[in-house]
Amino acid sequence: MLSENSAVPYRYRWLTLLTVASALLLIVVDITVLYTALPSLSAALHTTTSEKL
């Protein structure tokens, strides 16, 4: 049987998982936007290949 005290860490596991998943989602969206906009930005700024790095 689970006591009330043992249920508290279980709740924190889900909160931790939600926090990490949200952070990863934001990173993926940021990278997707960056790679989508990169060709337009490069053309507008007239960058060379080495400057894109």
PDB file of N, CA and C in Angstrom:
ATOM      1  N   MET A   1       0.817  -1.175   0.000  1.00  0.00           N
ATOM      2  CA  MET A   1       0.000   0.000   0.000  1.00  0.00           C
ATOM      3  C   MET A   1       0.873   1.256   0.000  1.00  0.00           C
ATOM      4  N   LEU A   2       0.367   2.271  -0.628  1.00  0.00           N
ATOM      5  CA  LEU A   2       1.068   3.539  -0.649  1.00  0.00           C
ATOM      6  C   LEU A   2       0.505   4.451   0.433  1.00  0.00           C
ATOM      7  N   SER A   3       1.390   5.032   1.181  1.00  0.00           N
ATOM      8  CA  SER A   3       0.935   6.024   2.150  1.00  0.00           C
ATOM      9  C   SER A   3       0.866   7.388   1.473  1.00  0.00           C
ATOM     10  N   GLU A   4       0.325   8.361   2.172  1.00  0.00           N
ATOM     11  CA  GLU A   4       0.210   9.706   1.593  1.00  0.00           C
ATOM     12  C   GLU A   4       1.579  10.303   1.313  1.00  0.00           C
ATOM     13  N   ASN A   5       2.549  10.029   2.135  1.00  0.00           N
ATOM     14  CA  ASN A   5       3.888  10.604   1.974  1.00  0.00           C
ATOM     15  C   ASN A   5       4.602  10.057   0.748  1.00  0.00           C
ATOM     16  N   SER A   6       4.337   8.828   0.364  1.00  0.00           N
ATOM     17  CA  SER A   6       5.021   8.254  -0.797  1.00  0.00           C
ATOM     18  C   SER A   6       4.411   8.745  -2.108  1.00  0.00           C
ATOM     19  N   ALA A   7       3.237   9.335  -2.084  1.00  0.00           N
ATOM     20  CA  ALA A   7       2.603   9.838  -3.299  1.00  0.00           C
ATOM     21  C   ALA A   7       3.174  11.195  -3.715  1.00  0.00           C
ATOM     22  N   VAL A   8       3.797  11.904  -2.802  1.00  0.00           N
ATOM     23  CA  VAL A   8       4.331  13.231  -3.114  1.00  0.00           C
ATOM     24  C   VAL A   8       5.467  13.148  -4.133  1.00  0.00           C
ATOM     25  N   PRO A   9       6.472  12.289  -3.971  1.00  0.00           N
ATOM     26  CA  PRO A   9       7.520  12.220  -5.004  1.00  0.00           C
ATOM     27  C   PRO A   9       6.980  11.773  -6.365  1.00  0.00           C
ATOM     28  N   TYR A  10       5.952  10.941  -6.352  1.00  0.00           N
ATOM     29  CA  TYR A  10       5.349  10.494  -7.603  1.00  0.00           C
ATOM     30  C   TYR A  10       4.791  11.683  -8.382  1.00  0.00           C
ATOM     31  N   ARG A  11       4.180  12.622  -7.694  1.00  0.00           N
ATOM     32  CA  ARG A  11       3.641  13.823  -8.325  1.00  0.00           C
ATOM     33  C   ARG A  11       4.777  14.675  -8.891  1.00  0.00           C
ATOM     34  N   TYR A  12       5.885  14.758  -8.168  1.00  0.00           N
ATOM     35  CA  TYR A  12       7.022  15.545  -8.645  1.00  0.00           C
ATOM     36  C   TYR A  12       7.665  14.927  -9.873  1.00  0.00           C
ATOM     37  N   ARG A  13       7.585  13.622 -10.019  1.00  0.00           N
ATOM     38  CA  ARG A  13       8.118  12.987 -11.227  1.00  0.00           C
ATOM     39  C   ARG A  13       7.378  13.483 -12.462  1.00  0.00           C
ATOM     40  N   TRP A  14       6.058  13.552 -12.382  1.00  0.00           N
ATOM     41  CA  TRP A  14       5.279  14.023 -13.521  1.00  0.00           C
ATOM     42  C   TRP A  14       5.535  15.495 -13.800  1.00  0.00           C
ATOM     43  N   LEU A  15       5.694  16.271 -12.745  1.00  0.00           N
ATOM     44  CA  LEU A  15       5.993  17.691 -12.924  1.00  0.00           C
ATOM     45  C   LEU A  15       7.367  17.876 -13.569  1.00  0.00           C
ATOM     46  N   THR A  16       8.326  17.079 -13.158  1.00  0.00           N
ATOM     47  CA  THR A  16       9.663  17.127 -13.756  1.00  0.00           C
ATOM     48  C   THR A  16       9.616  16.700 -15.217  1.00  0.00           C
ATOM     49  N   LEU A  17       8.883  15.642 -15.505  1.00  0.00           N
ATOM     50  CA  LEU A  17       8.753  15.185 -16.888  1.00  0.00           C
ATOM     51  C   LEU A  17       8.095  16.249 -17.761  1.00  0.00           C
ATOM     52  N   LEU A  18       7.065  16.884 -17.257  1.00  0.00           N
ATOM     53  CA  LEU A  18       6.390  17.945 -17.994  1.00  0.00           C
ATOM     54  C   LEU A  18       7.316  19.129 -18.242  1.00  0.00           C
ATOM     55  N   THR A  19       8.120  19.493 -17.255  1.00  0.00           N
ATOM     56  CA  THR A  19       9.055  20.607 -17.406  1.00  0.00           C
ATOM     57  C   THR A  19      10.115  20.299 -18.460  1.00  0.00           C
ATOM     58  N   VAL A  20      10.683  19.105 -18.407  1.00  0.00           N
ATOM     59  CA  VAL A  20      11.721  18.725 -19.375  1.00  0.00           C
ATOM     60  C   VAL A  20      11.131  18.616 -20.779  1.00  0.00           C
ATOM     61  N   ALA A  21       9.949  18.036 -20.886  1.00  0.00           N
ATOM     62  CA  ALA A  21       9.315  17.906 -22.202  1.00  0.00           C
ATOM     63  C   ALA A  21       8.985  19.275 -22.796  1.00  0.00           C
ATOM     64  N   SER A  22       8.542  20.197 -21.963  1.00  0.00           N
ATOM     65  CA  SER A  22       8.241  21.553 -22.446  1.00  0.00           C
ATOM     66  C   SER A  22       9.506  22.257 -22.933  1.00  0.00           C
ATOM     67  N   ALA A  23      10.589  22.097 -22.201  1.00  0.00           N
ATOM     68  CA  ALA A  23      11.856  22.711 -22.608  1.00  0.00           C
ATOM     69  C   ALA A  23      12.337  22.134 -23.935  1.00  0.00           C
ATOM     70  N   LEU A  24      12.233  20.829 -24.093  1.00  0.00           N
ATOM     71  CA  LEU A  24      12.645  20.211 -25.353  1.00  0.00           C
ATOM     72  C   LEU A  24      11.765  20.652 -26.518  1.00  0.00           C
ATOM     73  N   LEU A  25      10.480  20.810 -26.269  1.00  0.00           N
ATOM     74  CA  LEU A  25       9.582  21.289 -27.320  1.00  0.00           C
ATOM     75  C   LEU A  25       9.966  22.699 -27.761  1.00  0.00           C
ATOM     76  N   LEU A  26      10.285  23.561 -26.815  1.00  0.00           N
ATOM     77  CA  LEU A  26      10.698  24.921 -27.164  1.00  0.00           C
ATOM     78  C   LEU A  26      11.991  24.927 -27.966  1.00  0.00           C
ATOM     79  N   ILE A  27      12.923  24.063 -27.615  1.00  0.00           N
ATOM     80  CA  ILE A  27      14.190  23.981 -28.349  1.00  0.00           C
ATOM     81  C   ILE A  27      13.943  23.507 -29.782  1.00  0.00           C
ATOM     82  N   VAL A  28      13.113  22.497 -29.951  1.00  0.00           N
ATOM     83  CA  VAL A  28      12.818  21.978 -31.293  1.00  0.00           C
ATOM     84  C   VAL A  28      12.124  23.035 -32.145  1.00  0.00           C
ATOM     85  N   VAL A  29      11.172  23.751 -31.574  1.00  0.00           N
ATOM     86  CA  VAL A  29      10.482  24.808 -32.322  1.00  0.00           C
ATOM     87  C   VAL A  29      11.461  25.913 -32.699  1.00  0.00           C
ATOM     88  N   ASP A  30      12.353  26.276 -31.794  1.00  0.00           N
ATOM     89  CA  ASP A  30      13.339  27.314 -32.070  1.00  0.00           C
ATOM     90  C   ASP A  30      14.269  26.904 -33.209  1.00  0.00           C
ATOM     91  N   ILE A  31      14.743  25.677 -33.185  1.00  0.00           N
ATOM     92  CA  ILE A  31      15.640  25.201 -34.243  1.00  0.00           C
ATOM     93  C   ILE A  31      14.908  25.122 -35.576  1.00  0.00           C
ATOM     94  N   THR A  32      13.651  24.695 -35.556  1.00  0.00           N
ATOM     95  CA  THR A  32      12.866  24.623 -36.791  1.00  0.00           C
ATOM     96  C   THR A  32      12.680  26.004 -37.404  1.00  0.00           C
ATOM     97  N   VAL A  33      12.358  26.984 -36.583  1.00  0.00           N
ATOM     98  CA  VAL A  33      12.189  28.354 -37.078  1.00  0.00           C
ATOM     99  C   VAL A  33      13.508  28.889 -37.618  1.00  0.00           C
ATOM    100  N   LEU A  34      14.595  28.612 -36.935  1.00  0.00           N
ATOM    101  CA  LEU A  34      15.906  29.087 -37.374  1.00  0.00           C
ATOM    102  C   LEU A  34      16.269  28.509 -38.734  1.00  0.00           C
ATOM    103  N   TYR A  35      16.124  27.194 -38.905  1.00  0.00           N
ATOM    104  CA  TYR A  35      16.500  26.585 -40.177  1.00  0.00           C
ATOM    105  C   TYR A  35      15.535  26.944 -41.296  1.00  0.00           C
ATOM    106  N   THR A  36      14.312  27.292 -40.967  1.00  0.00           N
ATOM    107  CA  THR A  36      13.372  27.744 -41.985  1.00  0.00           C
ATOM    108  C   THR A  36      13.716  29.159 -42.443  1.00  0.00           C
ATOM    109  N   ALA A  37      14.119  30.004 -41.521  1.00  0.00           N
ATOM    110  CA  ALA A  37      14.405  31.401 -41.849  1.00  0.00           C
ATOM    111  C   ALA A  37      15.834  31.625 -42.332  1.00  0.00           C
ATOM    112  N   LEU A  38      16.718  30.685 -42.128  1.00  0.00           N
ATOM    113  CA  LEU A  38      18.133  30.886 -42.459  1.00  0.00           C
ATOM    114  C   LEU A  38      18.386  31.223 -43.927  1.00  0.00           C
ATOM    115  N   PRO A  39      17.776  30.549 -44.888  1.00  0.00           N
ATOM    116  CA  PRO A  39      18.032  30.939 -46.289  1.00  0.00           C
ATOM    117  C   PRO A  39      17.603  32.375 -46.591  1.00  0.00           C
ATOM    118  N   SER A  40      16.483  32.795 -46.061  1.00  0.00           N
ATOM    119  CA  SER A  40      16.027  34.173 -46.303  1.00  0.00           C
ATOM    120  C   SER A  40      16.948  35.182 -45.641  1.00  0.00           C
ATOM    121  N   LEU A  41      17.362  34.887 -44.422  1.00  0.00           N
ATOM    122  CA  LEU A  41      18.285  35.787 -43.726  1.00  0.00           C
ATOM    123  C   LEU A  41      19.628  35.874 -44.432  1.00  0.00           C
ATOM    124  N   SER A  42      20.126  34.732 -44.898  1.00  0.00           N
ATOM    125  CA  SER A  42      21.416  34.722 -45.595  1.00  0.00           C
ATOM    126  C   SER A  42      21.355  35.525 -46.886  1.00  0.00           C
ATOM    127  N   ALA A  43      20.278  35.395 -47.602  1.00  0.00           N
ATOM    128  CA  ALA A  43      20.132  36.145 -48.851  1.00  0.00           C
ATOM    129  C   ALA A  43      19.996  37.636 -48.584  1.00  0.00           C
ATOM    130  N   ALA A  44      19.250  37.993 -47.561  1.00  0.00           N
ATOM    131  CA  ALA A  44      19.039  39.409 -47.259  1.00  0.00           C
ATOM    132  C   ALA A  44      20.318  40.078 -46.752  1.00  0.00           C
ATOM    133  N   LEU A  45      21.152  39.320 -46.037  1.00  0.00           N
ATOM    134  CA  LEU A  45      22.380  39.900 -45.477  1.00  0.00           C
ATOM    135  C   LEU A  45      23.599  39.691 -46.368  1.00  0.00           C
ATOM    136  N   HIS A  46      23.424  38.984 -47.501  1.00  0.00           N
ATOM    137  CA  HIS A  46      24.508  38.721 -48.462  1.00  0.00           C
ATOM    138  C   HIS A  46      25.712  38.086 -47.762  1.00  0.00           C
ATOM    139  N   THR A  47      25.460  37.022 -47.004  1.00  0.00           N
ATOM    140  CA  THR A  47      26.544  36.358 -46.274  1.00  0.00           C
ATOM    141  C   THR A  47      27.229  35.313 -47.120  1.00  0.00           C
ATOM    142  N   THR A  48      28.494  35.069 -46.807  1.00  0.00           N
ATOM    143  CA  THR A  48      29.238  33.997 -47.454  1.00  0.00           C
ATOM    144  C   THR A  48      29.042  32.713 -46.660  1.00  0.00           C
ATOM    145  N   THR A  49      29.566  31.625 -47.182  1.00  0.00           N
ATOM    146  CA  THR A  49      29.407  30.331 -46.520  1.00  0.00           C
ATOM    147  C   THR A  49      30.070  30.316 -45.156  1.00  0.00           C
ATOM    148  N   SER A  50      31.246  30.892 -45.039  1.00  0.00           N
ATOM    149  CA  SER A  50      31.931  30.908 -43.747  1.00  0.00           C
ATOM    150  C   SER A  50      31.230  31.821 -42.733  1.00  0.00           C
ATOM    151  N   GLU A  51      30.560  32.845 -43.193  1.00  0.00           N
ATOM    152  CA  GLU A  51      29.837  33.732 -42.275  1.00  0.00           C
ATOM    153  C   GLU A  51      28.552  33.102 -41.752  1.00  0.00           C
ATOM    154  N   LYS A  52      28.017  32.132 -42.446  1.00  0.00           N
ATOM    155  CA  LYS A  52      26.803  31.457 -41.985  1.00  0.00           C
ATOM    156  C   LYS A  52      27.063  30.585 -40.768  1.00  0.00           C
ATOM    157  N   LEU A  53      28.302  30.182 -40.586  1.00  0.00           N
ATOM    158  CA  LEU A  53      28.636  29.334 -39.443  1.00  0.00           C
ATOM    159  C   LEU A  53      28.547  30.139 -38.187  1.00  0.00           C
TER     160      LEU A  53
END
